[in-house]
Structure formats: C-alpha cells, structure tokens
C-alpha cells in the first residue's frame, strides 16, 4: 500500500521560512515524478515544484524562494520555503506519479499559513 505523509506545515510571519517533508512508503522515489502542489481556498490545485532523478521544475511564483530536494535514504522529499508571502497560504500536498502508466498518488496535505 502506497502512503505519502506530509509534515512541517504551520503558521509563519511574512518573510519567514518553513520546511515541509514528505515521507513515502510502498514506492521507490527514483521511479516516480515527485512533487509538491498547493491549493488555496477557492482556487484550483497548482504545481509548486517537481523533480525526477534528472530534472527539477518550479512554478514561476516560487522560483528563487523555494527549493525541492530528495533524501533517497529516507525515501523522502522536502520543500524548503523561504521569504514566504501571504499568497503562499494554502494546503500543500505531496505527489508521486507515473502518469505515463496511469499512477498518481497524493498525501493528505499540510496547512501553511503566512500571516502577521
């Protein structure tokens, strides 16, 4: 059974930092596209960052502020978020997919709130 479990969300002031972590069980990270998505109230879920063994991509809105990384030993991916803005407030979801074969897994999400 595949499980993705996010942690690290919380309340932070504008300009602050948070680090999210996603631990996976039941899959091997190296075979999947791993990513972070977010969904703000009243908005559609959007890509934040994704990575494979050879490529990393970021949404324009987070470039230069967020960094996605992988810990193969822990089967985990992290999202370091710096210079946070109120518009970064959302539920952040971890994703693992092999869309080319129809596989798509999601975590339950972790809330990030940026507010003074």
N, C-alpha and C. Protein backbone atom coordinates (compact mmCIF):
# COMPACT_ATOMS: atom_id res chain seq x y z
N UNK A 1 0.84 -1.18 0.00
CA UNK A 1 0.00 0.00 0.00
C UNK A 1 0.88 1.24 0.00
N UNK A 2 0.57 2.17 -0.89
CA UNK A 2 1.35 3.39 -1.02
C UNK A 2 0.82 4.43 -0.05
N UNK A 3 1.73 5.07 0.67
CA UNK A 3 1.36 6.18 1.55
C UNK A 3 2.35 7.32 1.39
N UNK A 4 1.82 8.52 1.30
CA UNK A 4 2.62 9.74 1.31
C UNK A 4 2.17 10.55 2.50
N UNK A 5 3.08 10.89 3.38
CA UNK A 5 2.72 11.61 4.61
C UNK A 5 3.52 12.89 4.68
N UNK A 6 2.79 14.02 4.68
CA UNK A 6 3.43 15.32 4.77
C UNK A 6 3.55 15.78 6.22
N UNK A 7 4.55 16.60 6.47
CA UNK A 7 4.72 17.21 7.78
C UNK A 7 5.44 18.54 7.61
N UNK A 8 5.38 19.37 8.66
CA UNK A 8 6.14 20.61 8.66
C UNK A 8 5.35 21.87 8.42
N UNK A 9 4.07 21.76 8.18
CA UNK A 9 3.28 22.96 7.97
C UNK A 9 3.09 23.74 9.26
N UNK A 10 2.48 24.91 9.13
CA UNK A 10 2.22 25.72 10.31
C UNK A 10 1.97 27.17 9.97
N UNK A 11 2.02 27.99 10.99
CA UNK A 11 1.81 29.43 10.85
C UNK A 11 3.16 30.14 10.91
N UNK A 12 3.38 31.02 9.96
CA UNK A 12 4.64 31.76 9.90
C UNK A 12 4.36 33.18 9.46
N UNK A 13 5.18 34.12 9.91
CA UNK A 13 5.02 35.52 9.51
C UNK A 13 5.57 35.74 8.11
N UNK A 14 5.07 36.75 7.42
CA UNK A 14 5.64 37.08 6.11
C UNK A 14 7.15 37.30 6.21
N UNK A 15 7.85 36.74 5.23
CA UNK A 15 9.30 36.81 5.22
C UNK A 15 9.96 35.64 5.92
N UNK A 16 9.19 34.83 6.61
CA UNK A 16 9.73 33.70 7.33
C UNK A 16 9.95 32.47 6.46
N UNK A 17 10.34 31.38 7.12
CA UNK A 17 10.66 30.14 6.42
C UNK A 17 9.97 28.95 7.06
N UNK A 18 9.69 27.96 6.24
CA UNK A 18 9.19 26.67 6.70
C UNK A 18 9.81 25.59 5.83
N UNK A 19 9.93 24.41 6.41
CA UNK A 19 10.42 23.26 5.65
C UNK A 19 9.38 22.16 5.74
N UNK A 20 8.87 21.75 4.59
CA UNK A 20 7.93 20.64 4.52
C UNK A 20 8.67 19.36 4.16
N UNK A 21 8.17 18.26 4.68
CA UNK A 21 8.75 16.97 4.36
C UNK A 21 7.65 16.00 3.98
N UNK A 22 7.94 15.12 3.03
CA UNK A 22 7.01 14.09 2.59
C UNK A 22 7.73 12.76 2.63
N UNK A 23 7.24 11.87 3.45
CA UNK A 23 7.82 10.54 3.56
C UNK A 23 6.92 9.54 2.85
N UNK A 24 7.53 8.71 2.01
CA UNK A 24 6.76 7.77 1.24
C UNK A 24 7.03 6.34 1.66
N UNK A 25 6.01 5.53 1.58
CA UNK A 25 6.17 4.10 1.78
C UNK A 25 5.43 3.39 0.65
N UNK A 26 5.98 2.26 0.24
CA UNK A 26 5.33 1.48 -0.81
C UNK A 26 5.76 1.81 -2.22
N UNK A 27 6.61 2.82 -2.38
CA UNK A 27 7.13 3.15 -3.70
C UNK A 27 8.61 3.47 -3.59
N UNK A 28 9.27 3.44 -4.72
CA UNK A 28 10.67 3.84 -4.80
C UNK A 28 10.74 5.19 -5.50
N UNK A 29 11.19 6.21 -4.79
CA UNK A 29 11.18 7.57 -5.32
C UNK A 29 11.82 7.68 -6.69
N UNK A 30 12.88 6.95 -6.88
CA UNK A 30 13.64 7.11 -8.11
C UNK A 30 12.86 6.76 -9.37
N UNK A 31 11.75 6.08 -9.22
CA UNK A 31 10.97 5.64 -10.38
C UNK A 31 9.78 6.56 -10.65
N UNK A 32 9.61 7.58 -9.83
CA UNK A 32 8.44 8.45 -9.93
C UNK A 32 8.83 9.90 -10.14
N UNK A 33 7.90 10.66 -10.69
CA UNK A 33 7.99 12.12 -10.63
C UNK A 33 7.43 12.51 -9.26
N UNK A 34 8.25 13.18 -8.46
CA UNK A 34 7.85 13.59 -7.12
C UNK A 34 7.62 15.09 -7.11
N UNK A 35 6.59 15.52 -6.42
CA UNK A 35 6.33 16.94 -6.43
C UNK A 35 5.51 17.44 -5.27
N UNK A 36 5.46 18.75 -5.19
CA UNK A 36 4.62 19.45 -4.23
C UNK A 36 3.62 20.31 -4.98
N UNK A 37 2.38 20.24 -4.55
CA UNK A 37 1.31 21.06 -5.09
C UNK A 37 0.68 21.82 -3.94
N UNK A 38 -0.09 22.84 -4.26
CA UNK A 38 -0.81 23.55 -3.21
C UNK A 38 -2.18 23.98 -3.71
N UNK A 39 -3.07 24.15 -2.74
CA UNK A 39 -4.41 24.60 -3.06
C UNK A 39 -4.86 25.62 -2.02
N UNK A 40 -5.09 26.82 -2.48
CA UNK A 40 -5.60 27.89 -1.61
C UNK A 40 -7.13 27.87 -1.66
N UNK A 41 -7.76 28.43 -0.64
CA UNK A 41 -9.24 28.44 -0.60
C UNK A 41 -9.82 29.10 -1.85
N UNK A 42 -10.75 28.42 -2.48
CA UNK A 42 -11.42 28.96 -3.66
C UNK A 42 -10.62 28.89 -4.94
N UNK A 43 -9.44 28.25 -4.89
CA UNK A 43 -8.59 28.16 -6.07
C UNK A 43 -8.32 26.71 -6.42
N UNK A 44 -7.86 26.50 -7.65
CA UNK A 44 -7.51 25.16 -8.09
C UNK A 44 -6.15 24.77 -7.55
N UNK A 45 -5.96 23.47 -7.43
CA UNK A 45 -4.66 22.97 -7.01
C UNK A 45 -3.63 23.30 -8.10
N UNK A 46 -2.46 23.73 -7.67
CA UNK A 46 -1.43 24.12 -8.62
C UNK A 46 -0.08 23.51 -8.25
N UNK A 47 0.73 23.31 -9.27
CA UNK A 47 2.07 22.79 -9.06
C UNK A 47 2.94 23.83 -8.39
N UNK A 48 3.71 23.40 -7.39
CA UNK A 48 4.71 24.26 -6.75
C UNK A 48 6.10 23.90 -7.26
N UNK A 49 6.44 22.62 -7.17
CA UNK A 49 7.75 22.15 -7.61
C UNK A 49 7.67 20.66 -7.85
N UNK A 50 8.48 20.17 -8.79
CA UNK A 50 8.53 18.74 -9.05
C UNK A 50 9.93 18.34 -9.45
N UNK A 51 10.22 17.06 -9.25
CA UNK A 51 11.57 16.60 -9.58
C UNK A 51 11.57 15.15 -10.01
N UNK A 52 12.52 14.85 -10.88
CA UNK A 52 12.85 13.48 -11.22
C UNK A 52 14.32 13.29 -10.87
N UNK A 53 14.89 12.18 -11.27
CA UNK A 53 16.31 11.97 -10.98
C UNK A 53 17.19 12.90 -11.79
N UNK A 54 16.62 13.52 -12.85
CA UNK A 54 17.46 14.34 -13.72
C UNK A 54 16.96 15.76 -13.92
N UNK A 55 15.84 16.11 -13.36
CA UNK A 55 15.26 17.41 -13.66
C UNK A 55 14.46 17.95 -12.48
N UNK A 56 14.49 19.26 -12.32
CA UNK A 56 13.69 19.95 -11.31
C UNK A 56 12.98 21.12 -11.99
N UNK A 57 11.72 21.33 -11.60
CA UNK A 57 10.97 22.44 -12.16
C UNK A 57 10.19 23.13 -11.04
N UNK A 58 10.08 24.45 -11.15
CA UNK A 58 9.36 25.25 -10.17
C UNK A 58 8.30 26.12 -10.85
N UNK A 59 7.26 26.40 -10.10
CA UNK A 59 6.31 27.42 -10.56
C UNK A 59 7.01 28.77 -10.53
N UNK A 60 6.65 29.63 -11.46
CA UNK A 60 7.29 30.95 -11.51
C UNK A 60 7.12 31.71 -10.20
N UNK A 61 6.01 31.51 -9.55
CA UNK A 61 5.70 32.27 -8.34
C UNK A 61 6.61 31.92 -7.16
N UNK A 62 7.31 30.77 -7.23
CA UNK A 62 8.15 30.37 -6.10
C UNK A 62 9.62 30.29 -6.46
N UNK A 63 9.97 30.52 -7.72
CA UNK A 63 11.38 30.44 -8.14
C UNK A 63 12.24 31.41 -7.33
N UNK A 64 13.36 30.89 -6.85
CA UNK A 64 14.27 31.71 -6.06
C UNK A 64 13.93 31.75 -4.59
N UNK A 65 12.75 31.25 -4.23
CA UNK A 65 12.35 31.25 -2.81
C UNK A 65 12.20 29.84 -2.26
N UNK A 66 11.74 28.91 -3.08
CA UNK A 66 11.50 27.53 -2.64
C UNK A 66 12.54 26.60 -3.26
N UNK A 67 12.89 25.55 -2.52
CA UNK A 67 13.83 24.55 -3.01
C UNK A 67 13.30 23.16 -2.70
N UNK A 68 13.18 22.34 -3.72
CA UNK A 68 12.78 20.95 -3.53
C UNK A 68 14.01 20.07 -3.51
N UNK A 69 14.01 19.08 -2.63
CA UNK A 69 15.16 18.19 -2.53
C UNK A 69 14.69 16.79 -2.16
N UNK A 70 15.57 15.84 -2.39
CA UNK A 70 15.22 14.43 -2.18
C UNK A 70 16.23 13.79 -1.25
N UNK A 71 15.74 12.96 -0.33
CA UNK A 71 16.61 12.15 0.52
C UNK A 71 16.30 10.70 0.20
N UNK A 72 17.12 10.12 -0.66
CA UNK A 72 16.85 8.76 -1.12
C UNK A 72 16.91 7.76 0.02
N UNK A 73 17.80 7.98 0.98
CA UNK A 73 17.93 7.04 2.09
C UNK A 73 16.66 6.98 2.93
N UNK A 74 15.98 8.12 3.05
CA UNK A 74 14.76 8.19 3.86
C UNK A 74 13.51 8.05 3.01
N UNK A 75 13.69 7.94 1.70
CA UNK A 75 12.54 7.91 0.78
C UNK A 75 11.63 9.11 1.05
N UNK A 76 12.24 10.28 1.08
CA UNK A 76 11.50 11.49 1.42
C UNK A 76 11.88 12.62 0.47
N UNK A 77 10.95 13.55 0.29
CA UNK A 77 11.27 14.79 -0.40
C UNK A 77 10.91 15.95 0.51
N UNK A 78 11.70 16.98 0.43
CA UNK A 78 11.49 18.17 1.24
C UNK A 78 11.19 19.37 0.36
N UNK A 79 10.56 20.35 0.96
CA UNK A 79 10.35 21.62 0.29
C UNK A 79 10.75 22.72 1.26
N UNK A 80 11.89 23.34 1.00
CA UNK A 80 12.34 24.46 1.82
C UNK A 80 11.72 25.72 1.25
N UNK A 81 10.98 26.42 2.09
CA UNK A 81 10.26 27.62 1.65
C UNK A 81 10.79 28.83 2.41
N UNK A 82 11.37 29.75 1.69
CA UNK A 82 11.93 30.96 2.28
C UNK A 82 11.18 32.18 1.76
N UNK A 83 11.37 33.30 2.44
CA UNK A 83 10.73 34.55 2.03
C UNK A 83 9.25 34.37 1.76
N UNK A 84 8.58 33.73 2.69
CA UNK A 84 7.18 33.40 2.49
C UNK A 84 6.31 34.64 2.44
N UNK A 85 5.27 34.56 1.61
CA UNK A 85 4.34 35.66 1.40
C UNK A 85 2.92 35.20 1.79
N UNK A 86 2.06 36.13 2.11
CA UNK A 86 0.68 35.73 2.42
C UNK A 86 0.03 34.92 1.31
N UNK A 87 0.37 35.19 0.08
CA UNK A 87 -0.21 34.45 -1.04
C UNK A 87 0.31 33.02 -1.14
N UNK A 88 1.28 32.65 -0.33
CA UNK A 88 1.72 31.26 -0.26
C UNK A 88 0.83 30.43 0.66
N UNK A 89 -0.08 31.07 1.34
CA UNK A 89 -1.00 30.36 2.21
C UNK A 89 -1.84 29.37 1.43
N UNK A 90 -1.80 28.11 1.85
CA UNK A 90 -2.52 27.05 1.14
C UNK A 90 -2.32 25.74 1.88
N UNK A 91 -3.04 24.73 1.44
CA UNK A 91 -2.74 23.36 1.84
C UNK A 91 -1.75 22.81 0.83
N UNK A 92 -0.67 22.28 1.31
CA UNK A 92 0.40 21.76 0.45
C UNK A 92 0.32 20.23 0.43
N UNK A 93 0.34 19.69 -0.79
CA UNK A 93 0.20 18.25 -0.99
C UNK A 93 1.44 17.67 -1.64
N UNK A 94 1.81 16.50 -1.19
CA UNK A 94 2.89 15.73 -1.80
C UNK A 94 2.28 14.82 -2.87
N UNK A 95 2.99 14.69 -3.98
CA UNK A 95 2.51 13.86 -5.09
C UNK A 95 3.61 12.98 -5.62
N UNK A 96 3.23 11.77 -5.98
CA UNK A 96 4.13 10.84 -6.66
C UNK A 96 3.38 10.27 -7.85
N UNK A 97 3.92 10.41 -9.02
CA UNK A 97 3.19 9.92 -10.18
C UNK A 97 4.07 9.27 -11.23
N UNK A 98 3.44 8.38 -11.93
CA UNK A 98 3.94 7.82 -13.17
C UNK A 98 2.76 7.94 -14.14
N UNK A 99 2.51 9.16 -14.55
CA UNK A 99 1.32 9.42 -15.35
C UNK A 99 1.33 8.66 -16.66
N UNK A 100 2.49 8.31 -17.14
CA UNK A 100 2.59 7.61 -18.41
C UNK A 100 2.05 6.17 -18.31
N UNK A 101 1.88 5.69 -17.03
CA UNK A 101 1.24 4.39 -16.84
C UNK A 101 -0.01 4.52 -15.98
N UNK A 102 -0.45 5.76 -15.72
CA UNK A 102 -1.70 5.99 -15.01
C UNK A 102 -1.63 5.91 -13.52
N UNK A 103 -0.43 6.07 -12.94
CA UNK A 103 -0.27 6.02 -11.49
C UNK A 103 -0.14 7.42 -10.93
N UNK A 104 -0.90 7.70 -9.87
CA UNK A 104 -0.92 9.05 -9.32
C UNK A 104 -1.29 8.96 -7.85
N UNK A 105 -0.36 9.29 -6.96
CA UNK A 105 -0.61 9.19 -5.52
C UNK A 105 -0.50 10.56 -4.86
N UNK A 106 -1.35 10.76 -3.84
CA UNK A 106 -1.37 12.04 -3.13
C UNK A 106 -1.33 11.82 -1.62
N UNK A 107 -0.66 12.74 -0.93
CA UNK A 107 -0.76 12.79 0.50
C UNK A 107 -2.02 13.52 0.91
N UNK A 108 -2.26 13.61 2.22
CA UNK A 108 -3.46 14.27 2.72
C UNK A 108 -3.29 15.78 2.83
N UNK A 109 -2.08 16.25 2.77
CA UNK A 109 -1.85 17.69 2.80
C UNK A 109 -1.47 18.22 4.17
N UNK A 110 -0.78 19.35 4.14
CA UNK A 110 -0.40 20.05 5.36
C UNK A 110 -0.64 21.54 5.15
N UNK A 111 -1.23 22.17 6.17
CA UNK A 111 -1.61 23.57 6.04
C UNK A 111 -0.41 24.48 6.28
N UNK A 112 -0.24 25.44 5.39
CA UNK A 112 0.76 26.50 5.56
C UNK A 112 0.00 27.82 5.56
N UNK A 113 0.18 28.58 6.62
CA UNK A 113 -0.47 29.89 6.74
C UNK A 113 0.59 30.95 6.96
N UNK A 114 0.60 31.94 6.08
CA UNK A 114 1.55 33.04 6.18
C UNK A 114 0.77 34.30 6.54
N UNK A 115 0.96 34.75 7.77
CA UNK A 115 0.17 35.88 8.26
C UNK A 115 0.89 36.54 9.42
N UNK A 116 0.69 37.85 9.52
CA UNK A 116 1.25 38.58 10.66
C UNK A 116 0.23 38.68 11.78
